[in-house]
Amino acid sequence: MYIVLLGAPGAGKGTQAELLREKLAIPSVSSGDLFRSAIEAGTELGVKAKEYIDRGELVPDGVTIAMVAERLAQPDCTEGVILDGFPRTVAQAEALDGVLAEMNRRVHAVLYIKVSEDVLLKRLAGRWTCRDCGAIYHEVFGPEKTRGVCDACGGALYQREDDTPETQQRRIAVYLDRTAPLQECYRAKGILIEIDGDQDVDVVHRSVMAAIDSLEGNDTL
């Protein structure tokens, strides 16, 4: 089964991808991991990607798609894969369809983990970091024992610029704006399934598995 996971930063895509990987026994592939692996391995595509990343530019679709195609062609992806963080645009989705069609495969389901903006902000904007040892805390999900003081070394905690509510709010807005056409594209194809991501991880996972079970029961595969 070939599954695409969609969701804004903080929606929990990575967590659900890992749970699905264990449950379905198929690999989870994220574009970020592909970039890091290719760069570390020094592959031709990795070198190209690094050039753009080092300049602070987005890696072009052509390079990203080539990396995804290369990964999907590997033997462990024969029975399916969970795509986390790709595609992000309609153009990338169309390219993915083309890559899979050449392998006589297709995307079976797109699971959109939908989380309200206030919950996303709560998850993303509460992170604090120790200036001395780098330990990370969260105001809601993992707070320090003494406010502003690192439990591990006693260092002062600070909030990085990219962890502030203002920055995260912009990040969420950009994501929702850019991916709205992608959601509509998959909805028009009849393969978009919305999952309530405001719930606890275990509840979300049960909803995800129920959606997948319904596909299998309807002979969608």
C-alpha atoms as a PDB file:
ATOM      1  CA  MET A   1       0.000   0.000   0.000  1.00  0.00           C
ATOM      2  CA  TYR A   2       1.307   3.428  -0.967  1.00  0.00           C
ATOM      3  CA  ILE A   3       0.272   6.099   1.539  1.00  0.00           C
ATOM      4  CA  VAL A   4       0.896   9.843   1.636  1.00  0.00           C
ATOM      5  CA  LEU A   5       0.745  11.628   4.993  1.00  0.00           C
ATOM      6  CA  LEU A   6      -0.219  15.295   4.928  1.00  0.00           C
ATOM      7  CA  GLY A   7      -0.313  17.670   7.868  1.00  0.00           C
ATOM      8  CA  ALA A   8       1.027  20.994   9.070  1.00  0.00           C
ATOM      9  CA  PRO A   9       4.163  21.283  11.227  1.00  0.00           C
ATOM     10  CA  GLY A  10       3.211  19.918  14.645  1.00  0.00           C
ATOM     11  CA  ALA A  11       0.439  17.676  13.287  1.00  0.00           C
ATOM     12  CA  GLY A  12       2.323  14.530  14.273  1.00  0.00           C
ATOM     13  CA  LYS A  13       3.040  13.124  10.801  1.00  0.00           C
ATOM     14  CA  GLY A  14       6.421  11.750  11.816  1.00  0.00           C
ATOM     15  CA  THR A  15       4.982   9.939  14.823  1.00  0.00           C
ATOM     16  CA  GLN A  16       2.154   8.403  12.816  1.00  0.00           C
ATOM     17  CA  ALA A  17       4.539   7.453   9.997  1.00  0.00           C
ATOM     18  CA  GLU A  18       6.692   5.533  12.458  1.00  0.00           C
ATOM     19  CA  LEU A  19       3.676   3.779  13.995  1.00  0.00           C
ATOM     20  CA  LEU A  20       2.426   2.840  10.531  1.00  0.00           C
ATOM     21  CA  ARG A  21       5.850   1.568   9.546  1.00  0.00           C
ATOM     22  CA  GLU A  22       5.809  -0.847  12.464  1.00  0.00           C
ATOM     23  CA  LYS A  23       2.178  -1.876  11.939  1.00  0.00           C
ATOM     24  CA  LEU A  24       2.231  -2.357   8.165  1.00  0.00           C
ATOM     25  CA  ALA A  25       5.857  -3.518   7.852  1.00  0.00           C
ATOM     26  CA  ILE A  26       6.580  -1.108   4.984  1.00  0.00           C
ATOM     27  CA  PRO A  27       9.214   1.644   4.982  1.00  0.00           C
ATOM     28  CA  SER A  28       8.563   5.238   5.967  1.00  0.00           C
ATOM     29  CA  VAL A  29      10.227   7.758   3.681  1.00  0.00           C
ATOM     30  CA  SER A  30      10.559  11.463   4.420  1.00  0.00           C
ATOM     31  CA  SER A  31      12.096  13.987   2.046  1.00  0.00           C
ATOM     32  CA  GLY A  32      14.200  15.376   4.902  1.00  0.00           C
ATOM     33  CA  ASP A  33      15.696  11.960   5.635  1.00  0.00           C
ATOM     34  CA  LEU A  34      16.385  11.427   1.933  1.00  0.00           C
ATOM     35  CA  PHE A  35      18.275  14.720   1.745  1.00  0.00           C
ATOM     36  CA  ARG A  36      20.354  13.942   4.819  1.00  0.00           C
ATOM     37  CA  SER A  37      21.183  10.398   3.708  1.00  0.00           C
ATOM     38  CA  ALA A  38      22.128  11.431   0.179  1.00  0.00           C
ATOM     39  CA  ILE A  39      24.291  14.289   1.418  1.00  0.00           C
ATOM     40  CA  GLU A  40      26.056  12.082   3.963  1.00  0.00           C
ATOM     41  CA  ALA A  41      26.632   9.398   1.306  1.00  0.00           C
ATOM     42  CA  GLY A  42      27.934  11.974  -1.150  1.00  0.00           C
ATOM     43  CA  THR A  43      25.698  10.760  -3.981  1.00  0.00           C
ATOM     44  CA  GLU A  44      25.307  12.808  -7.152  1.00  0.00           C
ATOM     45  CA  LEU A  45      21.825  13.906  -6.089  1.00  0.00           C
ATOM     46  CA  GLY A  46      23.068  14.568  -2.562  1.00  0.00           C
ATOM     47  CA  VAL A  47      25.791  16.872  -3.861  1.00  0.00           C
ATOM     48  CA  LYS A  48      23.236  18.772  -5.951  1.00  0.00           C
ATOM     49  CA  ALA A  49      20.845  19.095  -2.996  1.00  0.00           C
ATOM     50  CA  LYS A  50      23.630  20.322  -0.702  1.00  0.00           C
ATOM     51  CA  GLU A  51      24.521  23.108  -3.119  1.00  0.00           C
ATOM     52  CA  TYR A  52      21.018  24.558  -2.803  1.00  0.00           C
ATOM     53  CA  ILE A  53      20.719  23.950   0.933  1.00  0.00           C
ATOM     54  CA  ASP A  54      24.081  25.624   1.581  1.00  0.00           C
ATOM     55  CA  ARG A  55      22.855  28.695  -0.298  1.00  0.00           C
ATOM     56  CA  GLY A  56      19.690  28.748   1.782  1.00  0.00           C
ATOM     57  CA  GLU A  57      17.550  27.899  -1.242  1.00  0.00           C
ATOM     58  CA  LEU A  58      14.815  25.311  -1.688  1.00  0.00           C
ATOM     59  CA  VAL A  59      15.937  22.120  -3.379  1.00  0.00           C
ATOM     60  CA  PRO A  60      14.319  22.111  -6.864  1.00  0.00           C
ATOM     61  CA  ASP A  61      11.480  19.691  -7.562  1.00  0.00           C
ATOM     62  CA  GLY A  62      13.573  17.848 -10.136  1.00  0.00           C
ATOM     63  CA  VAL A  63      16.230  16.876  -7.589  1.00  0.00           C
ATOM     64  CA  THR A  64      13.694  16.004  -4.879  1.00  0.00           C
ATOM     65  CA  ILE A  65      11.595  13.880  -7.234  1.00  0.00           C
ATOM     66  CA  ALA A  66      14.688  12.070  -8.520  1.00  0.00           C
ATOM     67  CA  MET A  67      15.632  11.199  -4.929  1.00  0.00           C
ATOM     68  CA  VAL A  68      12.130   9.913  -4.188  1.00  0.00           C
ATOM     69  CA  ALA A  69      12.088   7.883  -7.415  1.00  0.00           C
ATOM     70  CA  GLU A  70      15.465   6.380  -6.561  1.00  0.00           C
ATOM     71  CA  ARG A  71      14.217   5.393  -3.095  1.00  0.00           C
ATOM     72  CA  LEU A  72      10.918   3.940  -4.363  1.00  0.00           C
ATOM     73  CA  ALA A  73      12.836   1.737  -6.807  1.00  0.00           C
ATOM     74  CA  GLN A  74      14.595  -0.066  -3.952  1.00  0.00           C
ATOM     75  CA  PRO A  75      13.438  -3.629  -3.134  1.00  0.00           C
ATOM     76  CA  ASP A  76      12.002  -2.828   0.311  1.00  0.00           C
ATOM     77  CA  CYS A  77       9.442  -0.485  -1.288  1.00  0.00           C
ATOM     78  CA  THR A  78       7.928  -3.170  -3.527  1.00  0.00           C
ATOM     79  CA  GLU A  79       4.966  -3.816  -1.214  1.00  0.00           C
ATOM     80  CA  GLY A  80       4.360  -0.184  -0.366  1.00  0.00           C
ATOM     81  CA  VAL A  81       5.694   2.879   1.383  1.00  0.00           C
ATOM     82  CA  ILE A  82       4.598   5.687   3.692  1.00  0.00           C
ATOM     83  CA  LEU A  83       5.552   9.099   2.296  1.00  0.00           C
ATOM     84  CA  ASP A  84       6.006  11.745   4.984  1.00  0.00           C
ATOM     85  CA  GLY A  85       6.586  15.330   3.805  1.00  0.00           C
ATOM     86  CA  PHE A  86       6.290  14.572   0.096  1.00  0.00           C
ATOM     87  CA  PRO A  87       4.594  15.690  -2.052  1.00  0.00           C
ATOM     88  CA  ARG A  88       4.091  19.273  -0.914  1.00  0.00           C
ATOM     89  CA  THR A  89       2.742  20.770  -4.145  1.00  0.00           C
ATOM     90  CA  VAL A  90       0.397  19.705  -6.939  1.00  0.00           C
ATOM     91  CA  ALA A  91       3.373  19.576  -9.319  1.00  0.00           C
ATOM     92  CA  GLN A  92       5.181  17.171  -6.994  1.00  0.00           C
ATOM     93  CA  ALA A  93       2.026  15.057  -6.667  1.00  0.00           C
ATOM     94  CA  GLU A  94       1.741  14.783 -10.442  1.00  0.00           C
ATOM     95  CA  ALA A  95       5.407  13.822 -10.677  1.00  0.00           C
ATOM     96  CA  LEU A  96       4.916  11.173  -7.984  1.00  0.00           C
ATOM     97  CA  ASP A  97       1.979   9.729  -9.935  1.00  0.00           C
ATOM     98  CA  GLY A  98       4.241   9.504 -12.973  1.00  0.00           C
ATOM     99  CA  VAL A  99       7.039   7.762 -11.068  1.00  0.00           C
ATOM    100  CA  LEU A 100       4.639   5.229  -9.559  1.00  0.00           C
ATOM    101  CA  ALA A 101       2.858   4.638 -12.875  1.00  0.00           C
ATOM    102  CA  GLU A 102       6.168   3.628 -14.455  1.00  0.00           C
ATOM    103  CA  MET A 103       6.398   0.974 -11.725  1.00  0.00           C
ATOM    104  CA  ASN A 104       2.757  -0.043 -12.269  1.00  0.00           C
ATOM    105  CA  ARG A 105       1.888   1.347  -8.852  1.00  0.00           C
ATOM    106  CA  ARG A 106      -0.211   4.228  -7.480  1.00  0.00           C
ATOM    107  CA  VAL A 107      -1.038   6.212  -4.352  1.00  0.00           C
ATOM    108  CA  HIS A 108      -3.819   4.352  -2.561  1.00  0.00           C
ATOM    109  CA  ALA A 109      -4.603   6.850   0.182  1.00  0.00           C
ATOM    110  CA  VAL A 110      -3.698  10.343   1.332  1.00  0.00           C
ATOM    111  CA  LEU A 111      -4.206  10.754   5.063  1.00  0.00           C
ATOM    112  CA  TYR A 112      -4.539  14.405   6.048  1.00  0.00           C
ATOM    113  CA  ILE A 113      -3.928  14.763   9.772  1.00  0.00           C
ATOM    114  CA  LYS A 114      -5.973  17.879  10.402  1.00  0.00           C
ATOM    115  CA  VAL A 115      -5.082  19.849  13.521  1.00  0.00           C
ATOM    116  CA  SER A 116      -6.576  23.188  14.563  1.00  0.00           C
ATOM    117  CA  GLU A 117      -4.205  26.149  14.415  1.00  0.00           C
ATOM    118  CA  ASP A 118      -4.386  26.856  18.140  1.00  0.00           C
ATOM    119  CA  VAL A 119      -3.373  23.260  18.943  1.00  0.00           C
ATOM    120  CA  LEU A 120      -0.538  23.403  16.387  1.00  0.00           C
ATOM    121  CA  LEU A 121       0.712  26.605  17.940  1.00  0.00           C
ATOM    122  CA  LYS A 122       0.504  25.113  21.423  1.00  0.00           C
ATOM    123  CA  ARG A 123       2.601  22.153  20.313  1.00  0.00           C
ATOM    124  CA  LEU A 124       5.193  24.134  18.382  1.00  0.00           C
ATOM    125  CA  ALA A 125       5.669  27.353  20.302  1.00  0.00           C
ATOM    126  CA  GLY A 126       6.315  26.051  23.813  1.00  0.00           C
ATOM    127  CA  ARG A 127       9.850  24.776  23.332  1.00  0.00           C
ATOM    128  CA  TRP A 128      12.719  26.138  25.450  1.00  0.00           C
ATOM    129  CA  THR A 129      16.423  25.254  25.192  1.00  0.00           C
ATOM    130  CA  CYS A 130      19.248  25.255  27.734  1.00  0.00           C
ATOM    131  CA  ARG A 131      22.012  27.703  26.794  1.00  0.00           C
ATOM    132  CA  ASP A 132      24.666  25.487  28.366  1.00  0.00           C
ATOM    133  CA  CYS A 133      23.904  21.846  27.568  1.00  0.00           C
ATOM    134  CA  GLY A 134      21.250  22.180  24.846  1.00  0.00           C
ATOM    135  CA  ALA A 135      18.572  20.188  26.691  1.00  0.00           C
ATOM    136  CA  ILE A 136      15.073  20.878  25.350  1.00  0.00           C
ATOM    137  CA  TYR A 137      11.912  21.418  27.390  1.00  0.00           C
ATOM    138  CA  HIS A 138       8.306  22.145  26.530  1.00  0.00           C
ATOM    139  CA  GLU A 139       5.941  24.360  28.507  1.00  0.00           C
ATOM    140  CA  VAL A 140       3.102  21.832  28.230  1.00  0.00           C
ATOM    141  CA  PHE A 141       4.525  18.431  27.282  1.00  0.00           C
ATOM    142  CA  GLY A 142       7.824  18.411  29.173  1.00  0.00           C
ATOM    143  CA  PRO A 143       8.397  21.438  31.416  1.00  0.00           C
ATOM    144  CA  GLU A 144      11.439  22.016  33.588  1.00  0.00           C
ATOM    145  CA  LYS A 145      11.065  21.543  37.363  1.00  0.00           C
ATOM    146  CA  THR A 146      12.118  25.123  38.160  1.00  0.00           C
ATOM    147  CA  ARG A 147      10.926  27.728  35.704  1.00  0.00           C
ATOM    148  CA  GLY A 148      13.719  28.953  33.454  1.00  0.00           C
ATOM    149  CA  VAL A 149      16.338  26.584  34.899  1.00  0.00           C
ATOM    150  CA  CYS A 150      17.668  23.435  33.217  1.00  0.00           C
ATOM    151  CA  ASP A 151      17.037  20.258  35.258  1.00  0.00           C
ATOM    152  CA  ALA A 152      20.228  18.656  33.933  1.00  0.00           C
ATOM    153  CA  CYS A 153      22.872  21.335  34.451  1.00  0.00           C
ATOM    154  CA  GLY A 154      21.210  24.367  36.039  1.00  0.00           C
ATOM    155  CA  GLY A 155      21.780  26.509  32.964  1.00  0.00           C
ATOM    156  CA  ALA A 156      19.410  29.254  31.864  1.00  0.00           C
ATOM    157  CA  LEU A 157      16.662  28.374  29.382  1.00  0.00           C
ATOM    158  CA  TYR A 158      15.895  30.534  26.375  1.00  0.00           C
ATOM    159  CA  GLN A 159      13.510  30.404  23.436  1.00  0.00           C
ATOM    160  CA  ARG A 160      15.110  30.299  20.002  1.00  0.00           C
ATOM    161  CA  GLU A 161      13.804  32.745  17.443  1.00  0.00           C
ATOM    162  CA  ASP A 162      12.301  29.952  15.335  1.00  0.00           C
ATOM    163  CA  ASP A 163      10.430  28.594  18.379  1.00  0.00           C
ATOM    164  CA  THR A 164       8.537  31.791  19.205  1.00  0.00           C
ATOM    165  CA  PRO A 165       4.746  31.886  18.725  1.00  0.00           C
ATOM    166  CA  GLU A 166       5.057  34.577  16.043  1.00  0.00           C
ATOM    167  CA  THR A 167       7.491  32.544  13.945  1.00  0.00           C
ATOM    168  CA  GLN A 168       5.542  29.329  14.306  1.00  0.00           C
ATOM    169  CA  GLN A 169       2.281  31.064  13.455  1.00  0.00           C
ATOM    170  CA  ARG A 170       3.813  32.280  10.178  1.00  0.00           C
ATOM    171  CA  ARG A 171       5.168  28.788   9.506  1.00  0.00           C
ATOM    172  CA  ILE A 172       1.730  27.251   9.981  1.00  0.00           C
ATOM    173  CA  ALA A 173       0.036  29.877   7.812  1.00  0.00           C
ATOM    174  CA  VAL A 174       2.516  29.347   4.972  1.00  0.00           C
ATOM    175  CA  TYR A 175       2.037  25.578   5.105  1.00  0.00           C
ATOM    176  CA  LEU A 176      -1.756  25.754   5.072  1.00  0.00           C
ATOM    177  CA  ASP A 177      -1.745  28.245   2.202  1.00  0.00           C
ATOM    178  CA  ARG A 178       0.696  26.291   0.045  1.00  0.00           C
ATOM    179  CA  THR A 179      -0.832  22.858   0.581  1.00  0.00           C
ATOM    180  CA  ALA A 180      -4.511  23.799   0.193  1.00  0.00           C
ATOM    181  CA  PRO A 181      -4.394  23.131  -3.607  1.00  0.00           C
ATOM    182  CA  LEU A 182      -2.710  19.778  -2.939  1.00  0.00           C
ATOM    183  CA  GLN A 183      -5.484  18.747  -0.564  1.00  0.00           C
ATOM    184  CA  GLU A 184      -8.103  19.687  -3.141  1.00  0.00           C
ATOM    185  CA  CYS A 185      -6.211  17.743  -5.818  1.00  0.00           C
ATOM    186  CA  TYR A 186      -6.307  14.547  -3.782  1.00  0.00           C
ATOM    187  CA  ARG A 187      -9.881  15.192  -2.642  1.00  0.00           C
ATOM    188  CA  ALA A 188     -10.948  15.410  -6.291  1.00  0.00           C
ATOM    189  CA  LYS A 189      -9.324  12.021  -6.891  1.00  0.00           C
ATOM    190  CA  GLY A 190     -11.337  10.557  -4.035  1.00  0.00           C
ATOM    191  CA  ILE A 191      -8.330   9.365  -2.036  1.00  0.00           C
ATOM    192  CA  LEU A 192      -8.052  12.111   0.611  1.00  0.00           C
ATOM    193  CA  ILE A 193      -9.077  11.007   4.096  1.00  0.00           C
ATOM    194  CA  GLU A 194      -9.177  13.562   6.912  1.00  0.00           C
ATOM    195  CA  ILE A 195      -8.045  12.422  10.348  1.00  0.00           C
ATOM    196  CA  ASP A 196      -8.793  14.432  13.498  1.00  0.00           C
ATOM    197  CA  GLY A 197      -5.273  15.193  14.720  1.00  0.00           C
ATOM    198  CA  ASP A 198      -6.351  17.212  17.776  1.00  0.00           C
ATOM    199  CA  GLN A 199      -6.618  13.948  19.714  1.00  0.00           C
ATOM    200  CA  ASP A 200      -3.996  11.948  21.619  1.00  0.00           C
ATOM    201  CA  VAL A 201      -1.407  10.037  19.595  1.00  0.00           C
ATOM    202  CA  ASP A 202      -3.005   6.639  20.292  1.00  0.00           C
ATOM    203  CA  VAL A 203      -6.470   7.855  19.311  1.00  0.00           C
ATOM    204  CA  VAL A 204      -5.132   9.378  16.089  1.00  0.00           C
ATOM    205  CA  HIS A 205      -3.341   6.123  15.287  1.00  0.00           C
ATOM    206  CA  ARG A 206      -6.555   4.134  15.759  1.00  0.00           C
ATOM    207  CA  SER A 207      -8.325   6.527  13.391  1.00  0.00           C
ATOM    208  CA  VAL A 208      -5.529   6.116  10.851  1.00  0.00           C
ATOM    209  CA  MET A 209      -5.691   2.321  11.045  1.00  0.00           C
ATOM    210  CA  ALA A 210      -9.501   2.386  10.772  1.00  0.00           C
ATOM    211  CA  ALA A 211      -9.162   4.429   7.580  1.00  0.00           C
ATOM    212  CA  ILE A 212      -6.665   1.952   6.133  1.00  0.00           C
ATOM    213  CA  ASP A 213      -8.821  -1.024   7.148  1.00  0.00           C
ATOM    214  CA  SER A 214     -11.797   0.546   5.380  1.00  0.00           C
ATOM    215  CA  LEU A 215      -9.759   0.817   2.181  1.00  0.00           C
ATOM    216  CA  GLU A 216      -8.797  -2.840   2.345  1.00  0.00           C
ATOM    217  CA  GLY A 217     -12.418  -3.795   3.020  1.00  0.00           C
ATOM    218  CA  ASN A 218     -13.597  -1.854  -0.034  1.00  0.00           C
ATOM    219  CA  ASP A 219     -11.033  -3.557  -2.306  1.00  0.00           C
ATOM    220  CA  THR A 220      -9.433  -0.191  -3.008  1.00  0.00           C
ATOM    221  CA  LEU A 221      -5.941  -1.702  -3.194  1.00  0.00           C
END
